[in-house]
Amino acid sequence: MRIGIYTNQDKDKDCLLSRDLSRLIVRQGGIPVVDEQCLGSQFSDIQGIDLASYETSDLIMVLGGDGTFLSAVHLPGCQDIPIIGVNLGSVGFLQEIRPENLAESVERLLAGDYYIDRRMMLSVSVHDAKGQLVESGLSMNDAVISRGGKSRILTLDLTIDGVFLERIPGDGMILSTPTGSTAYSLSAGGPIVHPRLELLLITPVCPHTLHNRSYLTSSTSEVVIEIVDYPYQALLAIDGRREINLNSGDRVVVRKADRTLQLIRLSPDHFFADLPGKIHLRGKTR
């Protein structure tokens, strides 16, 4: 089995843990794969390692925090490769493996002793006032429409399945998957949703209204957000990794994506049991 190693070098200083992981994989009969353009010089001395593209892997192990995991999900050519995280961050909603359990986890991965948890993703597209496609992308966590750094209210029209819901002035809007419900959406007052459900969350950010409620709609729905009379460029951020400028009249269209995230699980689901502890860790240093 070929196991890709994707590392946040700010959290794994000198790639010490990643190098140990490589040796564990080799020792147990696997082939560690490290992208030569990213980390090759750090690993070239390890016998048995393959300096190749991550897309040649059977699965990918991500060493870092939730942000690192998000980056790995968007690696070019790796869309259909199962992925698992080693938590080097402070919270680790997406990572299952703790560093002290690395040897046991590698043994189970190489033995095929795991299952795949398929998570819903979002298809996000931007259309201009004439209806022409401008850009598109995929999101695992969320697509966030914001004021673009200007201190002026951003007014957005919300339509679901062709039905106009309301005009919402405020700081913006978060369109989230259930996996992303514990990210920015939670901070904006959105509900906590079990990540294996299939639905779409729509959470206003600091709305200038007499109510502040999230909408939950079916995974088969189409959600359209239109930029209304905004004199500056608004901003669409997809998973916090890709940014697209928006102009007045532009429409952001969000649907369930055809692709799912293949998240490797080694243990049963304890989402609600683990949630209080992970939230408590938010903001603490390691």
C-alpha atoms as a PDB file:
ATOM      1  CA  MET A   1       0.000   0.000   0.000  1.00  0.00           C
ATOM      2  CA  ARG A   2       1.190   3.487  -0.881  1.00  0.00           C
ATOM      3  CA  ILE A   3       0.560   6.052   1.884  1.00  0.00           C
ATOM      4  CA  GLY A   4       0.953   9.732   1.072  1.00  0.00           C
ATOM      5  CA  ILE A   5       2.337  11.981   3.834  1.00  0.00           C
ATOM      6  CA  TYR A   6       1.139  15.603   3.773  1.00  0.00           C
ATOM      7  CA  THR A   7       2.793  17.702   6.483  1.00  0.00           C
ATOM      8  CA  ASN A   8       2.412  21.154   7.990  1.00  0.00           C
ATOM      9  CA  GLN A   9       6.073  21.976   8.615  1.00  0.00           C
ATOM     10  CA  ASP A  10       5.148  24.782  11.015  1.00  0.00           C
ATOM     11  CA  LYS A  11       3.601  22.192  13.349  1.00  0.00           C
ATOM     12  CA  ASP A  12       6.011  19.333  12.621  1.00  0.00           C
ATOM     13  CA  LYS A  13       9.356  21.059  13.110  1.00  0.00           C
ATOM     14  CA  ASP A  14      12.080  19.676  10.846  1.00  0.00           C
ATOM     15  CA  CYS A  15       9.537  17.023   9.793  1.00  0.00           C
ATOM     16  CA  LEU A  16      10.618  14.845  12.714  1.00  0.00           C
ATOM     17  CA  LEU A  17       7.251  13.135  13.167  1.00  0.00           C
ATOM     18  CA  SER A  18       6.787  12.788   9.406  1.00  0.00           C
ATOM     19  CA  ARG A  19      10.163  11.089   9.103  1.00  0.00           C
ATOM     20  CA  ASP A  20       9.254   8.722  11.946  1.00  0.00           C
ATOM     21  CA  LEU A  21       5.965   7.997  10.180  1.00  0.00           C
ATOM     22  CA  SER A  22       7.832   7.196   6.949  1.00  0.00           C
ATOM     23  CA  ARG A  23      10.031   4.697   8.735  1.00  0.00           C
ATOM     24  CA  LEU A  24       6.999   3.091  10.412  1.00  0.00           C
ATOM     25  CA  ILE A  25       5.309   2.628   7.042  1.00  0.00           C
ATOM     26  CA  VAL A  26       8.434   1.066   5.493  1.00  0.00           C
ATOM     27  CA  ARG A  27       8.999  -1.181   8.504  1.00  0.00           C
ATOM     28  CA  GLN A  28       5.463  -2.546   8.219  1.00  0.00           C
ATOM     29  CA  GLY A  29       5.674  -3.219   4.495  1.00  0.00           C
ATOM     30  CA  GLY A  30       4.134  -0.074   3.037  1.00  0.00           C
ATOM     31  CA  ILE A  31       5.506   2.614   0.749  1.00  0.00           C
ATOM     32  CA  PRO A  32       5.514   6.205   2.031  1.00  0.00           C
ATOM     33  CA  VAL A  33       4.866   8.750  -0.722  1.00  0.00           C
ATOM     34  CA  VAL A  34       6.111  12.326  -0.378  1.00  0.00           C
ATOM     35  CA  ASP A  35       5.611  14.984  -3.023  1.00  0.00           C
ATOM     36  CA  GLU A  36       9.098  15.855  -4.230  1.00  0.00           C
ATOM     37  CA  GLN A  37       8.178  19.479  -4.896  1.00  0.00           C
ATOM     38  CA  CYS A  38       6.932  19.971  -1.325  1.00  0.00           C
ATOM     39  CA  LEU A  39       9.017  17.832   0.996  1.00  0.00           C
ATOM     40  CA  GLY A  40      11.411  15.797  -1.093  1.00  0.00           C
ATOM     41  CA  SER A  41      14.632  17.295   0.254  1.00  0.00           C
ATOM     42  CA  GLN A  42      13.579  16.442   3.815  1.00  0.00           C
ATOM     43  CA  PHE A  43      13.060  12.747   3.065  1.00  0.00           C
ATOM     44  CA  SER A  44      15.531  11.823   0.328  1.00  0.00           C
ATOM     45  CA  ASP A  45      17.767   9.951   2.790  1.00  0.00           C
ATOM     46  CA  ILE A  46      15.045   7.519   3.929  1.00  0.00           C
ATOM     47  CA  GLN A  47      15.335   4.152   2.229  1.00  0.00           C
ATOM     48  CA  GLY A  48      12.070   2.865   0.803  1.00  0.00           C
ATOM     49  CA  ILE A  49      10.373   6.240   0.358  1.00  0.00           C
ATOM     50  CA  ASP A  50       8.915   7.254  -2.996  1.00  0.00           C
ATOM     51  CA  LEU A  51       9.375  10.880  -4.001  1.00  0.00           C
ATOM     52  CA  ALA A  52       6.326  11.155  -6.235  1.00  0.00           C
ATOM     53  CA  SER A  53       3.074  13.076  -6.519  1.00  0.00           C
ATOM     54  CA  TYR A  54       0.472  12.530  -3.798  1.00  0.00           C
ATOM     55  CA  GLU A  55      -1.994  11.387  -6.451  1.00  0.00           C
ATOM     56  CA  THR A  56      -0.071   8.091  -6.748  1.00  0.00           C
ATOM     57  CA  SER A  57      -1.125   7.214  -3.166  1.00  0.00           C
ATOM     58  CA  ASP A  58      -3.756   4.716  -2.040  1.00  0.00           C
ATOM     59  CA  LEU A  59      -4.522   6.939   0.938  1.00  0.00           C
ATOM     60  CA  ILE A  60      -3.146  10.156   2.430  1.00  0.00           C
ATOM     61  CA  MET A  61      -2.151  10.874   6.024  1.00  0.00           C
ATOM     62  CA  VAL A  62      -2.257  14.568   6.984  1.00  0.00           C
ATOM     63  CA  LEU A  63      -0.062  15.840   9.833  1.00  0.00           C
ATOM     64  CA  GLY A  64      -1.285  19.159  11.220  1.00  0.00           C
ATOM     65  CA  GLY A  65      -4.450  20.909  12.328  1.00  0.00           C
ATOM     66  CA  ASP A  66      -7.862  21.366  10.746  1.00  0.00           C
ATOM     67  CA  GLY A  67      -6.487  23.996   8.357  1.00  0.00           C
ATOM     68  CA  THR A  68      -3.827  21.596   7.108  1.00  0.00           C
ATOM     69  CA  PHE A  69      -6.483  18.951   6.584  1.00  0.00           C
ATOM     70  CA  LEU A  70      -8.560  21.369   4.496  1.00  0.00           C
ATOM     71  CA  SER A  71      -5.535  22.138   2.340  1.00  0.00           C
ATOM     72  CA  ALA A  72      -4.903  18.434   1.761  1.00  0.00           C
ATOM     73  CA  VAL A  73      -8.501  17.854   0.676  1.00  0.00           C
ATOM     74  CA  HIS A  74      -7.915  20.299  -2.188  1.00  0.00           C
ATOM     75  CA  LEU A  75      -4.649  18.770  -3.429  1.00  0.00           C
ATOM     76  CA  PRO A  76      -4.741  18.588  -7.251  1.00  0.00           C
ATOM     77  CA  GLY A  77      -5.474  15.097  -8.530  1.00  0.00           C
ATOM     78  CA  CYS A  78      -6.284  13.707  -5.076  1.00  0.00           C
ATOM     79  CA  GLN A  79     -10.054  14.187  -5.090  1.00  0.00           C
ATOM     80  CA  ASP A  80     -10.880  10.473  -4.901  1.00  0.00           C
ATOM     81  CA  ILE A  81      -8.148   9.367  -2.492  1.00  0.00           C
ATOM     82  CA  PRO A  82      -9.230   8.469   1.086  1.00  0.00           C
ATOM     83  CA  ILE A  83      -7.690  10.702   3.749  1.00  0.00           C
ATOM     84  CA  ILE A  84      -6.995  10.593   7.490  1.00  0.00           C
ATOM     85  CA  GLY A  85      -5.482  13.155   9.838  1.00  0.00           C
ATOM     86  CA  VAL A  86      -2.868  13.095  12.600  1.00  0.00           C
ATOM     87  CA  ASN A  87      -3.754  15.884  15.028  1.00  0.00           C
ATOM     88  CA  LEU A  88      -0.938  18.358  15.631  1.00  0.00           C
ATOM     89  CA  GLY A  89      -3.361  21.267  16.177  1.00  0.00           C
ATOM     90  CA  SER A  90      -5.331  22.467  19.178  1.00  0.00           C
ATOM     91  CA  VAL A  91      -8.809  21.142  18.321  1.00  0.00           C
ATOM     92  CA  GLY A  92      -8.727  18.589  15.520  1.00  0.00           C
ATOM     93  CA  PHE A  93     -12.354  18.123  14.509  1.00  0.00           C
ATOM     94  CA  LEU A  94     -11.202  16.353  11.352  1.00  0.00           C
ATOM     95  CA  GLN A  95      -8.184  14.394  12.600  1.00  0.00           C
ATOM     96  CA  GLU A  96      -8.607  10.996  14.180  1.00  0.00           C
ATOM     97  CA  ILE A  97      -5.055   9.923  15.060  1.00  0.00           C
ATOM     98  CA  ARG A  98      -3.087  11.223  18.028  1.00  0.00           C
ATOM     99  CA  PRO A  99       0.729  11.239  17.597  1.00  0.00           C
ATOM    100  CA  GLU A 100       1.228   8.744  20.418  1.00  0.00           C
ATOM    101  CA  ASN A 101      -1.002   6.239  18.566  1.00  0.00           C
ATOM    102  CA  LEU A 102       0.846   6.506  15.268  1.00  0.00           C
ATOM    103  CA  ALA A 103       2.396   3.004  15.183  1.00  0.00           C
ATOM    104  CA  GLU A 104      -0.873   1.230  15.945  1.00  0.00           C
ATOM    105  CA  SER A 105      -2.735   3.383  13.413  1.00  0.00           C
ATOM    106  CA  VAL A 106      -0.252   2.653  10.614  1.00  0.00           C
ATOM    107  CA  GLU A 107      -0.534  -1.076  11.320  1.00  0.00           C
ATOM    108  CA  ARG A 108      -4.322  -0.916  11.025  1.00  0.00           C
ATOM    109  CA  LEU A 109      -4.204   1.173   7.863  1.00  0.00           C
ATOM    110  CA  LEU A 110      -1.828  -1.220   6.136  1.00  0.00           C
ATOM    111  CA  ALA A 111      -4.010  -4.152   7.212  1.00  0.00           C
ATOM    112  CA  GLY A 112      -7.122  -2.464   5.774  1.00  0.00           C
ATOM    113  CA  ASP A 113      -8.672  -2.358   9.242  1.00  0.00           C
ATOM    114  CA  TYR A 114     -10.702   0.821   8.741  1.00  0.00           C
ATOM    115  CA  TYR A 115     -13.855   2.103   7.080  1.00  0.00           C
ATOM    116  CA  ILE A 116     -14.668   5.066   4.871  1.00  0.00           C
ATOM    117  CA  ASP A 117     -16.964   7.819   6.148  1.00  0.00           C
ATOM    118  CA  ARG A 118     -18.302   9.668   3.093  1.00  0.00           C
ATOM    119  CA  ARG A 119     -18.970  13.337   3.809  1.00  0.00           C
ATOM    120  CA  MET A 120     -21.099  15.698   1.744  1.00  0.00           C
ATOM    121  CA  MET A 121     -19.332  18.497  -0.128  1.00  0.00           C
ATOM    122  CA  LEU A 122     -20.632  21.647  -1.840  1.00  0.00           C
ATOM    123  CA  SER A 123     -20.464  22.724  -5.463  1.00  0.00           C
ATOM    124  CA  VAL A 124     -20.046  26.512  -5.520  1.00  0.00           C
ATOM    125  CA  SER A 125     -20.319  28.631  -8.654  1.00  0.00           C
ATOM    126  CA  VAL A 126     -20.327  32.375  -9.328  1.00  0.00           C
ATOM    127  CA  HIS A 127     -22.417  33.877 -12.132  1.00  0.00           C
ATOM    128  CA  ASP A 128     -22.370  37.506 -13.225  1.00  0.00           C
ATOM    129  CA  ALA A 129     -25.421  39.755 -13.692  1.00  0.00           C
ATOM    130  CA  LYS A 130     -25.848  38.373 -17.235  1.00  0.00           C
ATOM    131  CA  GLY A 131     -25.907  34.801 -15.969  1.00  0.00           C
ATOM    132  CA  GLN A 132     -22.459  33.904 -17.304  1.00  0.00           C
ATOM    133  CA  LEU A 133     -20.337  31.515 -15.239  1.00  0.00           C
ATOM    134  CA  VAL A 134     -17.359  33.356 -13.713  1.00  0.00           C
ATOM    135  CA  GLU A 135     -15.700  30.727 -11.497  1.00  0.00           C
ATOM    136  CA  SER A 136     -16.553  27.534  -9.635  1.00  0.00           C
ATOM    137  CA  GLY A 137     -15.116  25.285  -6.952  1.00  0.00           C
ATOM    138  CA  LEU A 138     -15.750  22.616  -4.328  1.00  0.00           C
ATOM    139  CA  SER A 139     -16.058  23.070  -0.580  1.00  0.00           C
ATOM    140  CA  MET A 140     -15.706  20.597   2.251  1.00  0.00           C
ATOM    141  CA  ASN A 141     -16.514  23.039   5.075  1.00  0.00           C
ATOM    142  CA  ASP A 142     -18.103  26.225   3.822  1.00  0.00           C
ATOM    143  CA  ALA A 143     -18.417  29.013   1.293  1.00  0.00           C
ATOM    144  CA  VAL A 144     -18.383  32.447   2.947  1.00  0.00           C
ATOM    145  CA  ILE A 145     -19.605  35.673   1.365  1.00  0.00           C
ATOM    146  CA  SER A 146     -18.208  38.738   3.136  1.00  0.00           C
ATOM    147  CA  ARG A 147     -17.861  42.522   2.796  1.00  0.00           C
ATOM    148  CA  GLY A 148     -14.377  42.250   1.318  1.00  0.00           C
ATOM    149  CA  GLY A 149     -12.674  44.303   4.011  1.00  0.00           C
ATOM    150  CA  LYS A 150     -14.947  47.357   3.710  1.00  0.00           C
ATOM    151  CA  SER A 151     -16.845  48.715   6.721  1.00  0.00           C
ATOM    152  CA  ARG A 152     -20.165  48.940   4.891  1.00  0.00           C
ATOM    153  CA  ILE A 153     -23.258  46.785   5.194  1.00  0.00           C
ATOM    154  CA  LEU A 154     -23.461  44.069   2.562  1.00  0.00           C
ATOM    155  CA  THR A 155     -27.003  43.335   1.378  1.00  0.00           C
ATOM    156  CA  LEU A 156     -27.730  39.832   0.100  1.00  0.00           C
ATOM    157  CA  ASP A 157     -30.852  38.297  -1.449  1.00  0.00           C
ATOM    158  CA  LEU A 158     -31.461  34.686  -0.428  1.00  0.00           C
ATOM    159  CA  THR A 159     -33.337  32.301  -2.734  1.00  0.00           C
ATOM    160  CA  ILE A 160     -33.859  28.573  -2.126  1.00  0.00           C
ATOM    161  CA  ASP A 161     -35.165  26.300  -4.883  1.00  0.00           C
ATOM    162  CA  GLY A 162     -36.369  29.284  -6.883  1.00  0.00           C
ATOM    163  CA  VAL A 163     -38.295  30.805  -3.978  1.00  0.00           C
ATOM    164  CA  PHE A 164     -37.130  34.207  -2.712  1.00  0.00           C
ATOM    165  CA  LEU A 165     -36.786  34.069   1.087  1.00  0.00           C
ATOM    166  CA  GLU A 166     -35.540  37.450   2.251  1.00  0.00           C
ATOM    167  CA  ARG A 167     -33.151  40.336   1.805  1.00  0.00           C
ATOM    168  CA  ILE A 168     -30.469  40.225   4.518  1.00  0.00           C
ATOM    169  CA  PRO A 169     -28.220  43.223   5.254  1.00  0.00           C
ATOM    170  CA  GLY A 170     -25.188  42.540   7.425  1.00  0.00           C
ATOM    171  CA  ASP A 171     -21.604  41.310   7.270  1.00  0.00           C
ATOM    172  CA  GLY A 172     -22.261  38.391   4.959  1.00  0.00           C
ATOM    173  CA  MET A 173     -23.427  34.791   4.727  1.00  0.00           C
ATOM    174  CA  ILE A 174     -22.023  31.331   5.466  1.00  0.00           C
ATOM    175  CA  LEU A 175     -23.129  28.363   3.371  1.00  0.00           C
ATOM    176  CA  SER A 176     -21.949  25.244   5.129  1.00  0.00           C
ATOM    177  CA  THR A 177     -21.902  21.471   4.992  1.00  0.00           C
ATOM    178  CA  PRO A 178     -22.714  19.487   8.152  1.00  0.00           C
ATOM    179  CA  THR A 179     -18.952  18.879   8.495  1.00  0.00           C
ATOM    180  CA  GLY A 180     -18.461  22.660   8.503  1.00  0.00           C
ATOM    181  CA  SER A 181     -21.211  23.276  11.073  1.00  0.00           C
ATOM    182  CA  THR A 182     -18.595  23.294  13.864  1.00  0.00           C
ATOM    183  CA  ALA A 183     -16.414  25.842  12.040  1.00  0.00           C
ATOM    184  CA  TYR A 184     -17.267  29.467  11.156  1.00  0.00           C
ATOM    185  CA  SER A 185     -21.004  28.737  11.100  1.00  0.00           C
ATOM    186  CA  LEU A 186     -20.889  27.746  14.785  1.00  0.00           C
ATOM    187  CA  SER A 187     -19.132  31.007  15.674  1.00  0.00           C
ATOM    188  CA  ALA A 188     -21.876  32.937  13.865  1.00  0.00           C
ATOM    189  CA  GLY A 189     -24.605  31.237  15.915  1.00  0.00           C
ATOM    190  CA  GLY A 190     -25.397  28.375  13.558  1.00  0.00           C
ATOM    191  CA  PRO A 191     -26.571  24.950  14.760  1.00  0.00           C
ATOM    192  CA  ILE A 192     -24.332  21.959  15.397  1.00  0.00           C
ATOM    193  CA  VAL A 193     -25.175  19.237  12.882  1.00  0.00           C
ATOM    194  CA  HIS A 194     -23.916  15.665  12.853  1.00  0.00           C
ATOM    195  CA  PRO A 195     -21.368  15.516  10.000  1.00  0.00           C
ATOM    196  CA  ARG A 196     -22.853  12.403   8.385  1.00  0.00           C
ATOM    197  CA  LEU A 197     -26.190  14.094   7.713  1.00  0.00           C
ATOM    198  CA  GLU A 198     -26.838  15.498   4.253  1.00  0.00           C
ATOM    199  CA  LEU A 199     -28.223  19.018   4.327  1.00  0.00           C
ATOM    200  CA  LEU A 200     -27.138  22.567   3.650  1.00  0.00           C
ATOM    201  CA  LEU A 201     -26.770  25.255   6.319  1.00  0.00           C
ATOM    202  CA  ILE A 202     -27.245  28.963   5.593  1.00  0.00           C
ATOM    203  CA  THR A 203     -26.122  31.261   8.420  1.00  0.00           C
ATOM    204  CA  PRO A 204     -26.151  35.086   8.234  1.00  0.00           C
ATOM    205  CA  VAL A 205     -23.136  36.878   9.726  1.00  0.00           C
ATOM    206  CA  CYS A 206     -24.113  39.768  12.041  1.00  0.00           C
ATOM    207  CA  PRO A 207     -27.380  40.520  10.190  1.00  0.00           C
ATOM    208  CA  HIS A 208     -28.820  44.009  10.655  1.00  0.00           C
ATOM    209  CA  THR A 209     -32.299  42.608  11.289  1.00  0.00           C
ATOM    210  CA  LEU A 210     -34.564  41.881  14.247  1.00  0.00           C
ATOM    211  CA  HIS A 211     -33.850  38.182  13.985  1.00  0.00           C
ATOM    212  CA  ASN A 212     -30.788  36.032  13.422  1.00  0.00           C
ATOM    213  CA  ARG A 213     -31.685  32.522  12.347  1.00  0.00           C
ATOM    214  CA  SER A 214     -29.976  29.896  10.251  1.00  0.00           C
ATOM    215  CA  TYR A 215     -31.788  28.077   7.485  1.00  0.00           C
ATOM    216  CA  LEU A 216     -31.431  24.318   7.009  1.00  0.00           C
ATOM    217  CA  THR A 217     -32.435  22.909   3.663  1.00  0.00           C
ATOM    218  CA  SER A 218     -32.282  19.596   1.846  1.00  0.00           C
ATOM    219  CA  SER A 219     -29.101  18.411   0.185  1.00  0.00           C
ATOM    220  CA  THR A 220     -31.083  18.380  -3.072  1.00  0.00           C
ATOM    221  CA  SER A 221     -31.768  22.126  -2.833  1.00  0.00           C
ATOM    222  CA  GLU A 222     -30.200  24.892  -4.869  1.00  0.00           C
ATOM    223  CA  VAL A 223     -29.316  28.004  -2.883  1.00  0.00           C
ATOM    224  CA  VAL A 224     -28.700  31.323  -4.637  1.00  0.00           C
ATOM    225  CA  ILE A 225     -27.201  34.400  -2.960  1.00  0.00           C
ATOM    226  CA  GLU A 226     -27.255  37.642  -4.951  1.00  0.00           C
ATOM    227  CA  ILE A 227     -25.124  40.707  -4.195  1.00  0.00           C
ATOM    228  CA  VAL A 228     -27.424  43.752  -3.997  1.00  0.00           C
ATOM    229  CA  ASP A 229     -26.252  47.338  -4.730  1.00  0.00           C
ATOM    230  CA  TYR A 230     -22.810  47.018  -3.142  1.00  0.00           C
ATOM    231  CA  PRO A 231     -20.428  49.804  -4.282  1.00  0.00           C
ATOM    232  CA  TYR A 232     -17.293  47.750  -3.591  1.00  0.00           C
ATOM    233  CA  GLN A 233     -16.182  44.227  -4.348  1.00  0.00           C
ATOM    234  CA  ALA A 234     -17.507  41.616  -1.955  1.00  0.00           C
ATOM    235  CA  LEU A 235     -15.551  38.408  -1.400  1.00  0.00           C
ATOM    236  CA  LEU A 236     -16.346  34.718  -1.649  1.00  0.00           C
ATOM    237  CA  ALA A 237     -13.996  32.412   0.270  1.00  0.00           C
ATOM    238  CA  ILE A 238     -14.218  28.661  -0.400  1.00  0.00           C
ATOM    239  CA  ASP A 239     -12.931  26.647   2.569  1.00  0.00           C
ATOM    240  CA  GLY A 240     -10.775  29.667   3.419  1.00  0.00           C
ATOM    241  CA  ARG A 241      -8.379  28.496   0.700  1.00  0.00           C
ATOM    242  CA  ARG A 242      -9.709  30.144  -2.446  1.00  0.00           C
ATOM    243  CA  GLU A 243     -11.023  33.696  -2.820  1.00  0.00           C
ATOM    244  CA  ILE A 244     -13.238  35.092  -5.597  1.00  0.00           C
ATOM    245  CA  ASN A 245     -14.187  38.758  -5.938  1.00  0.00           C
ATOM    246  CA  LEU A 246     -17.896  39.520  -6.283  1.00  0.00           C
ATOM    247  CA  ASN A 247     -19.643  42.535  -7.807  1.00  0.00           C
ATOM    248  CA  SER A 248     -23.201  43.869  -7.496  1.00  0.00           C
ATOM    249  CA  GLY A 249     -25.578  41.616  -9.378  1.00  0.00           C
ATOM    250  CA  ASP A 250     -23.330  38.562  -9.099  1.00  0.00           C
ATOM    251  CA  ARG A 251     -24.987  35.380  -7.897  1.00  0.00           C
ATOM    252  CA  VAL A 252     -23.389  32.622  -5.850  1.00  0.00           C
ATOM    253  CA  VAL A 253     -25.076  29.281  -6.542  1.00  0.00           C
ATOM    254  CA  VAL A 254     -24.546  26.438  -4.064  1.00  0.00           C
ATOM    255  CA  ARG A 255     -25.609  22.806  -4.437  1.00  0.00           C
ATOM    256  CA  LYS A 256     -24.560  19.421  -3.131  1.00  0.00           C
ATOM    257  CA  ALA A 257     -21.452  18.327  -5.050  1.00  0.00           C
ATOM    258  CA  ASP A 258     -21.249  15.060  -6.950  1.00  0.00           C
ATOM    259  CA  ARG A 259     -17.988  14.356  -5.129  1.00  0.00           C
ATOM    260  CA  THR A 260     -17.863  13.242  -1.497  1.00  0.00           C
ATOM    261  CA  LEU A 261     -14.971  13.475   0.951  1.00  0.00           C
ATOM    262  CA  GLN A 262     -13.648   9.987   1.737  1.00  0.00           C
ATOM    263  CA  LEU A 263     -12.693  10.283   5.392  1.00  0.00           C
ATOM    264  CA  ILE A 264     -10.932   7.247   6.862  1.00  0.00           C
ATOM    265  CA  ARG A 265     -12.203   6.180  10.284  1.00  0.00           C
ATOM    266  CA  LEU A 266     -10.409   3.784  12.626  1.00  0.00           C
ATOM    267  CA  SER A 267     -12.874   3.995  15.506  1.00  0.00           C
ATOM    268  CA  PRO A 268     -16.656   4.278  15.965  1.00  0.00           C
ATOM    269  CA  ASP A 269     -18.330   7.650  15.683  1.00  0.00           C
ATOM    270  CA  HIS A 270     -18.236   9.589  18.990  1.00  0.00           C
ATOM    271  CA  PHE A 271     -19.070  13.009  17.528  1.00  0.00           C
ATOM    272  CA  PHE A 272     -21.363  14.299  20.282  1.00  0.00           C
ATOM    273  CA  ALA A 273     -19.290  12.727  23.062  1.00  0.00           C
ATOM    274  CA  ASP A 274     -16.101  14.357  21.754  1.00  0.00           C
ATOM    275  CA  LEU A 275     -17.688  17.723  20.905  1.00  0.00           C
ATOM    276  CA  PRO A 276     -17.592  19.428  24.361  1.00  0.00           C
ATOM    277  CA  GLY A 277     -13.910  18.619  24.845  1.00  0.00           C
ATOM    278  CA  LYS A 278     -12.942  19.849  21.397  1.00  0.00           C
ATOM    279  CA  ILE A 279     -14.855  23.109  21.804  1.00  0.00           C
ATOM    280  CA  HIS A 280     -13.232  23.600  25.211  1.00  0.00           C
ATOM    281  CA  LEU A 281      -9.794  23.276  23.592  1.00  0.00           C
ATOM    282  CA  ARG A 282     -10.526  26.101  21.139  1.00  0.00           C
ATOM    283  CA  GLY A 283      -8.053  28.908  21.650  1.00  0.00           C
ATOM    284  CA  LYS A 284      -5.757  26.998  24.007  1.00  0.00           C
ATOM    285  CA  THR A 285      -2.105  26.581  23.117  1.00  0.00           C
ATOM    286  CA  ARG A 286      -0.435  23.207  22.958  1.00  0.00           C
END
